[in-house]
Amino acid sequence: MAVQPPAADRRTVIENVAIATVDARDTEYARGHVVLLGNTIESVGDGPAPAWLENVARRINGEGHLLTPGLVNTHHHFYQWITRGLAQDSILFDWLVALYPTWARIDEDLVHAATQGSAAALLKSGCTTASDHHYVFPRGGGDVLGASVAGVQELGLRFTALRGSMDRGQKDGGLPPDHAVEDTDEILAASESAVDKWHDASFGSMLQVAVAPCSPFSVSTELMRQSAELARRKGVRLHTHGSETAEEEEFCKQLFGMGPTDYFESTGWLGEDVWMAHCVHMNDSDIAKFAETGTGVAHCPSSNARLAAGTARVPDMLKAGVPVGLGVDGTASNESGELGTELRNALLINRLHGRPDALTVRQALRLGTMGGARVLGRQREIGSIEPGKLADLALWKVDGVLHSSIADPVAALVLGALPPLAALFVNGNAVVENGRLTTADEDRIALAAARAARDLAARG
C-alpha cells in the first residue's frame, strides 16, 4: 500500500538548524527554520520559526544538524540488488556478458525483493526521489515493472519508473543473448500501457513513467525512433545509456558509421525531455550539442570507476550549461547502493585531473539535488528548499565525532563520511528516523533480498 501524505493543515517545524537551500542564490542559514504544511514547504528563514503557528504536530530541534533538499537519483537498476559482488574485475561489455544470463531469469517476486533493498539503501542515504531503469522482461516472469512500482510505493520513495527495453540480440549484432530481448512491437505496446497505467503528471506526483530503451548496443534504430515518437506523443520523458565506454563508441562507429551523440541526434534523441546515463566519452562537439538542446546527463562516478569506464567531463558540461544530476547506477556495479556517498565521489573523481576547483562542495550538493531535479524535469517541485515546493528534506547530524570539527556543515556532508541521517521527509512524511526506515521492517527487507539472491543464483 502506498504511503499517504500528512493532513493538509498539519505543520512540522524544524528550527535551530543549519540550512543549505540550494536555491538559485545558494541561500544558506547558519541557524534557521523551515516550516512544513502538509506535503509542502510553507516557509524558510533565519532564526526561530514564527511563534504564532497553529496546528504544529511536531517540532524538531535541529541543533548540530544540516538540513538540505532530499537527494535525487537520476539513474539506477533496482533489480541488480540481488546480483551484487559478481564480475568484480570486468569492464562494461564483459560484465554485461557475464550477468545477462542471470538477469534473464528474474521474475516479479525477485524484482520486488530487489527493489525494496535498493529503495531502502537510497532512503537511508538521503534520497527522496529516484528513477529506476528496468529493461529486462523475461517471458513468464510476470509483471516485473508492477512489482518494482509496488515495492517503491510501500516504502514511500518518490519514483520515476523507466520502462526499459532491448530488442537487438546477438543474432542482430547486439550484446544481449537472444532469449533476453523482446519484440519491437511488444515493447512499444507495453511502454504505452505503462504510461497509461501509472504516469501521473500532476504537481506533487509520487509516480511518473518515462520511456527508456536500454542502449545503442542492445536496441534497434527503429525502436529508438519509435520510442521517441511514443514518448513525445504521450508527454513523457526519454532515457537511455550513452557514451559510457570507449567500446560503446567504437561499436556505434562500426554499426552506425557515427559516434553515440551523432547517432542519438539522428534518431530524435536530443532535447530537453531526454537524459542519458554516464556520458563519459564525450568530445567538445558532443557537449555543445547537449548544451544547445538541453539534453541531461546522469553522472554515476562510482559505477564508472567500478567498471573502469573513465571520468565524465562534468566540469566542462556544467560550464557549457548541460543539465547534470547524480546517479547510483545498478548495485551490481555500485554495491553500496547509496546516493549520499556519490556527492563525495563526484567531487573527488572530478578533481583527479589536477583541477582542485573542478567541482566544489556546493556544486556537488547541487548536482545531487537541483541538478537531478532538472534532469528529471521536476525542478519546479523538488531540488531546493523554497516555499511552495514539496516537503522532501534530509536532516543530517553533523555534530558527532566524525564531523564536529568541520566548521562548514556542507563540507562536513560532502567531504566527510556520510553523516547519520536524523530524519528524511518525503512528501511531508518522515520515512527515515535516526537512520532507520519508518515505513517498513528493514530486517524483513534484508532477509527477503538474501533469499531472492540465493534463489536467483540457484536457477543457473
Protein backbone atom coordinates (compact mmCIF):
# COMPACT_ATOMS: atom_id res chain seq x y z
CA MET A 1 0.00 0.00 0.00
CA ALA A 2 1.29 3.47 -0.91
CA VAL A 3 2.30 5.81 1.92
CA GLN A 4 -0.28 8.57 2.30
CA PRO A 5 0.63 12.28 2.69
CA PRO A 6 0.08 14.03 6.03
CA ALA A 7 -3.06 16.09 6.68
CA ALA A 8 -3.06 19.29 4.64
CA ASP A 9 -3.33 21.52 7.75
CA ARG A 10 -0.63 19.72 9.76
CA ARG A 11 2.59 21.61 10.37
CA THR A 12 6.07 20.31 11.14
CA VAL A 13 8.68 22.81 12.36
CA ILE A 14 12.44 22.29 12.11
CA GLU A 15 14.45 25.08 13.75
CA ASN A 16 17.86 25.95 15.22
CA VAL A 17 19.31 24.21 12.18
CA ALA A 18 21.92 24.99 9.53
CA ILE A 19 20.17 25.13 6.16
CA ALA A 20 21.53 24.82 2.62
CA THR A 21 18.54 25.74 0.47
CA VAL A 22 20.25 25.14 -2.92
CA ASP A 23 18.00 27.85 -4.39
CA ALA A 24 19.12 29.99 -7.33
CA ARG A 25 21.17 32.21 -4.98
CA ASP A 26 22.58 29.34 -2.90
CA THR A 27 20.98 30.87 0.18
CA GLU A 28 22.19 29.38 3.45
CA TYR A 29 21.28 29.96 7.09
CA ALA A 30 23.67 29.19 9.92
CA ARG A 31 20.73 28.89 12.32
CA GLY A 32 17.37 28.97 10.64
CA HIS A 33 13.98 27.31 10.41
CA VAL A 34 11.75 25.52 7.93
CA VAL A 35 8.00 25.04 8.31
CA LEU A 36 6.22 22.22 6.51
CA LEU A 37 2.48 22.43 5.87
CA GLY A 38 1.04 19.13 4.78
CA ASN A 39 3.27 17.88 1.98
CA THR A 40 4.77 21.27 1.01
CA ILE A 41 7.26 23.78 2.38
CA GLU A 42 5.41 26.74 3.86
CA SER A 43 8.35 28.92 4.88
CA VAL A 44 12.11 29.02 5.32
CA GLY A 45 14.16 31.69 7.00
CA ASP A 46 16.70 32.84 9.52
CA GLY A 47 16.24 32.42 13.27
CA PRO A 48 13.38 30.60 15.02
CA ALA A 49 10.04 29.82 13.42
CA PRO A 50 7.15 32.27 13.97
CA ALA A 51 5.60 31.89 17.40
CA TRP A 52 2.02 32.22 16.16
CA LEU A 53 1.97 28.98 14.12
CA GLU A 54 -1.06 26.75 14.68
CA ASN A 55 -1.58 23.01 14.22
CA VAL A 56 2.08 22.22 14.87
CA ALA A 57 2.09 18.43 15.09
CA ARG A 58 5.83 18.16 15.50
CA ARG A 59 8.68 20.48 16.42
CA ILE A 60 12.28 19.35 15.77
CA ASN A 61 15.30 20.99 17.39
CA GLY A 62 17.93 20.91 14.64
CA GLU A 63 20.86 21.96 16.81
CA GLY A 64 24.02 20.33 15.41
CA HIS A 65 22.32 19.33 12.16
CA LEU A 66 22.33 20.35 8.49
CA LEU A 67 19.07 20.49 6.53
CA THR A 68 19.28 20.01 2.77
CA PRO A 69 16.85 19.20 -0.01
CA GLY A 70 16.32 15.47 -0.39
CA LEU A 71 18.75 13.93 -2.86
CA VAL A 72 17.57 13.00 -6.36
CA ASN A 73 18.80 9.80 -8.04
CA THR A 74 18.73 10.04 -11.84
CA HIS A 75 19.87 6.54 -12.81
CA HIS A 76 19.54 3.09 -11.25
CA HIS A 77 18.70 -0.55 -11.93
CA PHE A 78 16.86 -1.74 -8.83
CA TYR A 79 16.73 -5.42 -9.83
CA GLN A 80 20.52 -5.65 -9.59
CA TRP A 81 20.39 -5.57 -5.76
CA ILE A 82 20.32 -9.38 -5.82
CA THR A 83 23.34 -9.74 -8.14
CA ARG A 84 25.89 -7.66 -6.25
CA GLY A 85 29.55 -8.62 -5.96
CA LEU A 86 29.76 -10.53 -9.25
CA ALA A 87 32.12 -9.97 -12.22
CA GLN A 88 34.29 -7.94 -9.87
CA ASP A 89 37.16 -7.19 -12.27
CA SER A 90 35.41 -6.63 -15.61
CA ILE A 91 34.90 -3.74 -17.98
CA LEU A 92 31.32 -2.97 -19.02
CA PHE A 93 30.92 -5.28 -22.04
CA ASP A 94 32.50 -8.28 -20.26
CA TRP A 95 30.48 -7.53 -17.12
CA LEU A 96 27.24 -7.45 -19.13
CA VAL A 97 28.03 -10.70 -20.94
CA ALA A 98 28.72 -12.34 -17.57
CA LEU A 99 25.48 -11.11 -15.97
CA TYR A 100 22.89 -11.13 -18.78
CA PRO A 101 22.19 -14.89 -18.40
CA THR A 102 21.47 -14.44 -14.68
CA TRP A 103 19.30 -11.36 -15.18
CA ALA A 104 17.29 -13.22 -17.83
CA ARG A 105 15.95 -15.48 -15.05
CA ILE A 106 14.39 -12.79 -12.83
CA ASP A 107 10.67 -12.68 -12.09
CA GLU A 108 8.24 -10.37 -10.32
CA ASP A 109 8.84 -11.81 -6.85
CA LEU A 110 12.60 -11.45 -7.15
CA VAL A 111 12.23 -7.93 -8.52
CA HIS A 112 10.00 -6.88 -5.62
CA ALA A 113 12.60 -8.07 -3.10
CA ALA A 114 15.45 -6.43 -5.02
CA THR A 115 13.52 -3.19 -5.42
CA GLN A 116 12.92 -2.89 -1.70
CA GLY A 117 16.61 -3.47 -0.98
CA SER A 118 17.62 -0.80 -3.50
CA ALA A 119 14.98 1.68 -2.32
CA ALA A 120 15.90 1.15 1.33
CA ALA A 121 19.56 1.90 0.62
CA LEU A 122 18.60 5.08 -1.22
CA LEU A 123 16.27 6.33 1.50
CA LYS A 124 18.81 5.60 4.25
CA SER A 125 21.39 7.68 2.35
CA GLY A 126 19.18 10.78 1.99
CA CYS A 127 17.48 10.13 -1.36
CA THR A 128 13.85 11.24 -1.67
CA THR A 129 13.29 10.87 -5.44
CA ALA A 130 14.64 8.10 -7.66
CA SER A 131 14.37 6.81 -11.18
CA ASP A 132 14.78 3.12 -11.96
CA HIS A 133 15.73 1.92 -15.44
CA HIS A 134 14.27 -1.56 -15.79
CA TYR A 135 14.94 -3.18 -19.17
CA VAL A 136 14.88 -6.97 -18.54
CA PHE A 137 11.49 -8.61 -19.09
CA PRO A 138 11.85 -12.42 -19.22
CA ARG A 139 8.97 -14.33 -20.73
CA GLY A 140 7.00 -15.94 -17.94
CA GLY A 141 8.48 -13.59 -15.37
CA GLY A 142 5.19 -11.91 -14.55
CA ASP A 143 4.64 -8.19 -14.03
CA VAL A 144 8.18 -7.17 -13.12
CA LEU A 145 7.59 -3.46 -13.66
CA GLY A 146 4.48 -3.59 -11.49
CA ALA A 147 6.48 -5.37 -8.80
CA SER A 148 9.02 -2.56 -8.86
CA VAL A 149 6.32 0.12 -8.59
CA ALA A 150 4.65 -1.69 -5.67
CA GLY A 151 7.94 -2.17 -3.84
CA VAL A 152 8.77 1.52 -4.01
CA GLN A 153 5.29 2.72 -3.08
CA GLU A 154 5.32 0.62 0.09
CA LEU A 155 8.44 2.47 1.30
CA GLY A 156 7.34 6.00 0.38
CA LEU A 157 10.02 6.98 -2.15
CA ARG A 158 9.10 9.47 -4.89
CA PHE A 159 9.57 7.48 -8.08
CA THR A 160 10.08 7.65 -11.83
CA ALA A 161 9.68 4.19 -13.35
CA LEU A 162 11.61 3.85 -16.60
CA ARG A 163 10.07 1.27 -18.91
CA GLY A 164 13.27 -0.02 -20.48
CA SER A 165 13.68 -2.45 -23.33
CA MET A 166 16.07 -4.47 -25.50
CA ASP A 167 15.27 -5.77 -28.99
CA ARG A 168 18.76 -6.18 -30.51
CA GLY A 169 20.06 -9.62 -29.54
CA GLN A 170 23.29 -11.32 -30.55
CA LYS A 171 21.89 -12.59 -33.85
CA ASP A 172 21.29 -8.96 -34.88
CA GLY A 173 24.71 -7.77 -33.81
CA GLY A 174 23.74 -6.74 -30.27
CA LEU A 175 25.28 -7.67 -26.95
CA PRO A 176 22.37 -9.36 -25.05
CA PRO A 177 21.62 -13.05 -25.59
CA ASP A 178 18.68 -13.54 -27.93
CA HIS A 179 16.47 -15.04 -25.19
CA ALA A 180 16.81 -11.82 -23.16
CA VAL A 181 15.29 -9.45 -25.74
CA GLU A 182 11.71 -8.57 -26.64
CA ASP A 183 9.85 -7.98 -29.89
CA THR A 184 9.83 -4.33 -31.00
CA ASP A 185 6.05 -4.04 -31.34
CA GLU A 186 5.54 -5.71 -27.95
CA ILE A 187 7.94 -3.22 -26.37
CA LEU A 188 6.13 -0.22 -27.81
CA ALA A 189 2.74 -1.53 -26.71
CA ALA A 190 3.99 -2.34 -23.21
CA SER A 191 5.66 1.06 -22.89
CA GLU A 192 2.48 2.88 -23.84
CA SER A 193 0.49 0.69 -21.45
CA ALA A 194 2.88 1.54 -18.59
CA VAL A 195 2.46 5.26 -19.25
CA ASP A 196 -1.31 4.96 -19.38
CA LYS A 197 -1.45 2.89 -16.19
CA TRP A 198 0.98 4.71 -13.92
CA HIS A 199 2.16 8.11 -15.15
CA ASP A 200 0.89 10.98 -13.01
CA ALA A 201 1.95 14.37 -14.37
CA SER A 202 0.28 16.41 -11.62
CA PHE A 203 2.17 18.63 -9.17
CA GLY A 204 3.40 16.53 -6.26
CA SER A 205 3.14 13.25 -8.15
CA MET A 206 4.70 10.29 -6.37
CA LEU A 207 4.87 8.19 -9.54
CA GLN A 208 5.86 9.07 -13.08
CA VAL A 209 6.89 6.96 -16.07
CA ALA A 210 9.48 7.51 -18.80
CA VAL A 211 10.29 5.54 -21.95
CA ALA A 212 13.79 4.08 -21.81
CA PRO A 213 15.30 1.76 -24.44
CA CYS A 214 18.45 0.32 -22.90
CA SER A 215 21.43 1.34 -25.07
CA PRO A 216 22.69 1.60 -28.66
CA PHE A 217 24.26 -1.87 -28.43
CA SER A 218 21.04 -3.58 -27.27
CA VAL A 219 18.31 -1.66 -29.13
CA SER A 220 17.42 -1.32 -32.82
CA THR A 221 17.41 2.04 -34.55
CA GLU A 222 13.73 1.58 -35.31
CA LEU A 223 12.93 1.12 -31.64
CA MET A 224 14.92 4.24 -30.76
CA ARG A 225 12.97 6.33 -33.28
CA GLN A 226 9.56 4.93 -32.43
CA SER A 227 10.20 5.22 -28.68
CA ALA A 228 10.98 8.92 -29.11
CA GLU A 229 7.79 9.40 -31.09
CA LEU A 230 5.76 7.49 -28.49
CA ALA A 231 7.15 9.41 -25.53
CA ARG A 232 6.50 12.79 -27.14
CA ARG A 233 3.01 11.79 -28.16
CA LYS A 234 2.29 10.76 -24.55
CA GLY A 235 4.09 13.74 -23.00
CA VAL A 236 6.69 11.77 -21.00
CA ARG A 237 10.47 11.85 -20.83
CA LEU A 238 13.12 9.70 -22.55
CA HIS A 239 16.13 7.97 -21.04
CA THR A 240 18.94 5.66 -22.18
CA HIS A 241 22.61 4.86 -21.65
CA GLY A 242 25.02 6.94 -23.71
CA SER A 243 28.76 7.25 -24.33
CA GLU A 244 29.55 5.08 -21.32
CA THR A 245 32.72 3.38 -22.57
CA ALA A 246 35.30 3.55 -25.36
CA GLU A 247 34.00 0.16 -26.54
CA GLU A 248 30.49 1.60 -26.96
CA GLU A 249 31.85 4.46 -29.06
CA GLU A 250 33.67 2.00 -31.32
CA PHE A 251 30.53 -0.17 -31.53
CA CYS A 252 28.47 2.82 -32.71
CA LYS A 253 31.04 3.81 -35.31
CA GLN A 254 31.19 0.29 -36.72
CA LEU A 255 27.43 -0.31 -36.71
CA PHE A 256 26.06 3.17 -37.50
CA GLY A 257 29.03 4.96 -39.06
CA MET A 258 28.97 7.68 -36.37
CA GLY A 259 29.60 8.24 -32.66
CA PRO A 260 26.91 7.92 -29.98
CA THR A 261 25.88 11.60 -29.81
CA ASP A 262 25.50 11.91 -33.58
CA TYR A 263 23.55 8.65 -33.56
CA PHE A 264 21.23 9.94 -30.85
CA GLU A 265 20.71 13.13 -32.82
CA SER A 266 19.83 11.14 -35.95
CA THR A 267 17.13 9.21 -34.08
CA GLY A 268 15.49 12.20 -32.38
CA TRP A 269 17.14 11.57 -29.03
CA LEU A 270 18.46 15.02 -28.13
CA GLY A 271 16.21 17.50 -26.34
CA GLU A 272 15.03 18.94 -23.03
CA ASP A 273 12.88 15.84 -22.49
CA VAL A 274 15.87 13.48 -22.74
CA TRP A 275 18.59 12.45 -20.31
CA MET A 276 21.43 9.99 -20.76
CA ALA A 277 23.28 7.90 -18.21
CA HIS A 278 27.08 8.18 -17.89
CA CYS A 279 28.23 10.27 -20.90
CA VAL A 280 31.87 9.53 -20.09
CA HIS A 281 33.36 9.64 -23.58
CA MET A 282 32.17 12.95 -25.00
CA ASN A 283 34.16 15.47 -27.02
CA ASP A 284 33.63 19.23 -27.21
CA SER A 285 31.14 18.87 -30.05
CA ASP A 286 29.10 16.31 -28.10
CA ILE A 287 28.96 18.56 -25.04
CA ALA A 288 27.95 21.53 -27.18
CA LYS A 289 25.06 19.55 -28.69
CA PHE A 290 23.84 18.51 -25.25
CA ALA A 291 24.01 22.12 -24.07
CA GLU A 292 22.24 23.51 -27.14
CA THR A 293 19.39 21.01 -26.88
CA GLY A 294 19.10 20.87 -23.07
CA THR A 295 19.79 17.13 -23.03
CA GLY A 296 20.53 15.96 -19.48
CA VAL A 297 23.22 13.74 -18.01
CA ALA A 298 23.09 11.26 -15.12
CA HIS A 299 26.63 11.26 -13.70
CA CYS A 300 27.47 7.93 -12.00
CA PRO A 301 31.00 8.35 -10.63
CA SER A 302 31.26 5.19 -8.51
CA SER A 303 29.89 2.87 -11.19
CA ASN A 304 32.12 4.42 -13.82
CA ALA A 305 35.13 3.76 -11.57
CA ARG A 306 34.00 0.21 -10.69
CA LEU A 307 33.82 -0.71 -14.39
CA ALA A 308 36.93 1.30 -15.36
CA ALA A 309 34.80 3.28 -17.81
CA GLY A 310 36.59 6.59 -17.30
CA THR A 311 35.70 10.01 -15.91
CA ALA A 312 32.87 12.12 -17.33
CA ARG A 313 33.76 15.73 -18.13
CA VAL A 314 31.31 17.13 -15.60
CA PRO A 315 33.05 20.49 -15.01
CA ASP A 316 33.04 21.15 -18.77
CA MET A 317 29.40 20.09 -19.03
CA LEU A 318 28.37 22.45 -16.23
CA LYS A 319 30.34 25.31 -17.77
CA ALA A 320 28.56 24.72 -21.09
CA GLY A 321 25.13 24.66 -19.40
CA VAL A 322 24.36 20.94 -19.67
CA PRO A 323 21.84 19.73 -17.03
CA VAL A 324 23.70 17.22 -14.82
CA GLY A 325 22.45 15.13 -11.90
CA LEU A 326 23.86 12.22 -9.92
CA GLY A 327 23.08 8.52 -10.24
CA VAL A 328 23.92 5.44 -8.21
CA ASP A 329 23.57 3.12 -11.21
CA GLY A 330 22.71 -0.50 -10.59
CA THR A 331 24.17 -2.09 -7.48
CA ALA A 332 25.87 -4.82 -9.50
CA SER A 333 28.33 -2.05 -10.46
CA ASN A 334 28.00 0.12 -7.33
CA GLU A 335 27.46 -2.28 -4.48
CA SER A 336 26.92 0.38 -1.80
CA GLY A 337 23.62 1.47 -3.35
CA GLU A 338 23.88 4.81 -1.56
CA LEU A 339 23.28 8.15 -3.25
CA GLY A 340 24.66 10.23 -0.38
CA THR A 341 28.17 8.90 -0.92
CA GLU A 342 28.06 9.92 -4.58
CA LEU A 343 28.36 13.58 -3.50
CA ARG A 344 31.88 12.95 -2.22
CA ASN A 345 32.85 10.58 -5.02
CA ALA A 346 31.70 13.02 -7.71
CA LEU A 347 33.85 15.78 -6.21
CA LEU A 348 36.94 13.62 -5.75
CA ILE A 349 36.84 11.90 -9.13
CA ASN A 350 36.37 15.16 -10.99
CA ARG A 351 39.48 16.59 -9.29
CA LEU A 352 41.71 13.69 -10.33
CA HIS A 353 42.97 15.53 -13.39
CA GLY A 354 44.72 18.18 -11.33
CA ARG A 355 41.94 20.75 -11.09
CA PRO A 356 41.30 21.45 -7.38
CA ASP A 357 38.38 23.71 -8.26
CA ALA A 358 36.90 21.29 -10.82
CA LEU A 359 33.92 20.74 -8.51
CA THR A 360 33.23 22.49 -5.20
CA VAL A 361 31.33 21.03 -2.26
CA ARG A 362 28.32 23.19 -3.05
CA GLN A 363 28.39 22.24 -6.72
CA ALA A 364 28.43 18.59 -5.66
CA LEU A 365 25.40 19.16 -3.43
CA ARG A 366 23.66 20.97 -6.29
CA LEU A 367 24.32 18.02 -8.61
CA GLY A 368 22.63 15.72 -6.10
CA THR A 369 19.61 17.97 -5.59
CA MET A 370 18.59 20.67 -8.08
CA GLY A 371 20.73 19.14 -10.80
CA GLY A 372 18.87 15.86 -10.52
CA ALA A 373 15.50 17.61 -10.26
CA ARG A 374 16.20 19.45 -13.52
CA VAL A 375 17.32 16.25 -15.26
CA LEU A 376 14.04 14.56 -14.28
CA GLY A 377 12.02 17.63 -15.30
CA ARG A 378 10.81 18.31 -11.74
CA GLN A 379 12.81 21.42 -10.81
CA ARG A 380 9.61 23.37 -10.03
CA GLU A 381 8.63 20.80 -7.39
CA ILE A 382 11.79 19.45 -5.75
CA GLY A 383 15.54 20.01 -5.50
CA SER A 384 15.65 23.10 -3.29
CA ILE A 385 14.19 24.33 -0.01
CA GLU A 386 11.77 27.08 -1.06
CA PRO A 387 8.18 27.97 -0.10
CA GLY A 388 5.66 26.15 -2.27
CA LYS A 389 7.93 23.26 -3.14
CA LEU A 390 7.35 19.70 -1.96
CA ALA A 391 8.45 18.74 1.54
CA ASP A 392 11.31 16.44 0.53
CA LEU A 393 14.12 17.14 3.02
CA ALA A 394 17.16 15.46 4.57
CA LEU A 395 18.28 16.27 8.11
CA TRP A 396 21.92 15.27 8.65
CA LYS A 397 23.60 15.01 12.08
CA VAL A 398 26.94 16.83 11.79
CA ASP A 399 27.93 17.30 15.43
CA GLY A 400 29.09 13.74 16.08
CA VAL A 401 32.65 12.51 16.42
CA LEU A 402 33.17 12.19 12.66
CA HIS A 403 32.04 15.73 11.81
CA SER A 404 32.09 18.06 14.83
CA SER A 405 35.49 19.60 14.00
CA ILE A 406 34.40 20.68 10.47
CA ALA A 407 33.04 24.22 10.79
CA ASP A 408 31.34 24.25 7.38
CA PRO A 409 28.36 21.85 7.57
CA VAL A 410 28.14 21.47 3.77
CA ALA A 411 31.80 20.45 3.69
CA ALA A 412 31.06 18.01 6.51
CA LEU A 413 28.36 16.41 4.36
CA VAL A 414 30.30 16.30 1.09
CA LEU A 415 33.95 15.84 2.15
CA GLY A 416 33.45 13.86 5.35
CA ALA A 417 31.98 10.45 5.93
CA LEU A 418 28.27 10.33 5.09
CA PRO A 419 26.66 11.79 8.23
CA PRO A 420 23.97 9.94 10.19
CA LEU A 421 20.53 10.69 8.82
CA ALA A 422 18.42 12.03 11.68
CA ALA A 423 15.29 12.31 9.56
CA LEU A 424 14.25 12.09 5.93
CA PHE A 425 10.98 13.63 4.76
CA VAL A 426 9.30 12.60 1.53
CA ASN A 427 6.08 14.37 0.66
CA GLY A 428 5.93 15.64 4.25
CA ASN A 429 6.25 12.17 5.80
CA ALA A 430 9.24 11.17 7.93
CA VAL A 431 10.19 7.93 6.15
CA VAL A 432 13.54 7.66 7.97
CA GLU A 433 14.12 8.45 11.65
CA ASN A 434 17.52 8.12 13.32
CA GLY A 435 18.84 6.16 10.37
CA ARG A 436 16.03 3.58 10.29
CA LEU A 437 13.10 3.22 7.92
CA THR A 438 9.73 4.04 9.43
CA THR A 439 7.60 2.59 6.62
CA ALA A 440 8.92 -0.98 6.59
CA ASP A 441 10.83 -3.57 8.59
CA GLU A 442 14.48 -3.37 7.49
CA ASP A 443 15.27 -6.84 8.80
CA ARG A 444 12.44 -8.28 6.72
CA ILE A 445 13.75 -6.50 3.62
CA ALA A 446 17.26 -7.83 4.26
CA LEU A 447 16.06 -11.41 4.68
CA ALA A 448 13.85 -11.25 1.58
CA ALA A 449 16.72 -9.86 -0.52
CA ALA A 450 19.11 -12.55 0.70
CA ARG A 451 16.58 -15.28 -0.14
CA ALA A 452 15.98 -13.75 -3.55
CA ALA A 453 19.70 -13.61 -4.31
CA ARG A 454 20.13 -17.29 -3.36
CA ASP A 455 17.04 -18.25 -5.35
CA LEU A 456 18.27 -16.47 -8.47
CA ALA A 457 21.77 -17.95 -8.17
CA ALA A 458 20.28 -21.44 -7.83
CA ARG A 459 18.35 -21.01 -11.08
CA GLY A 460 21.61 -21.10 -13.02
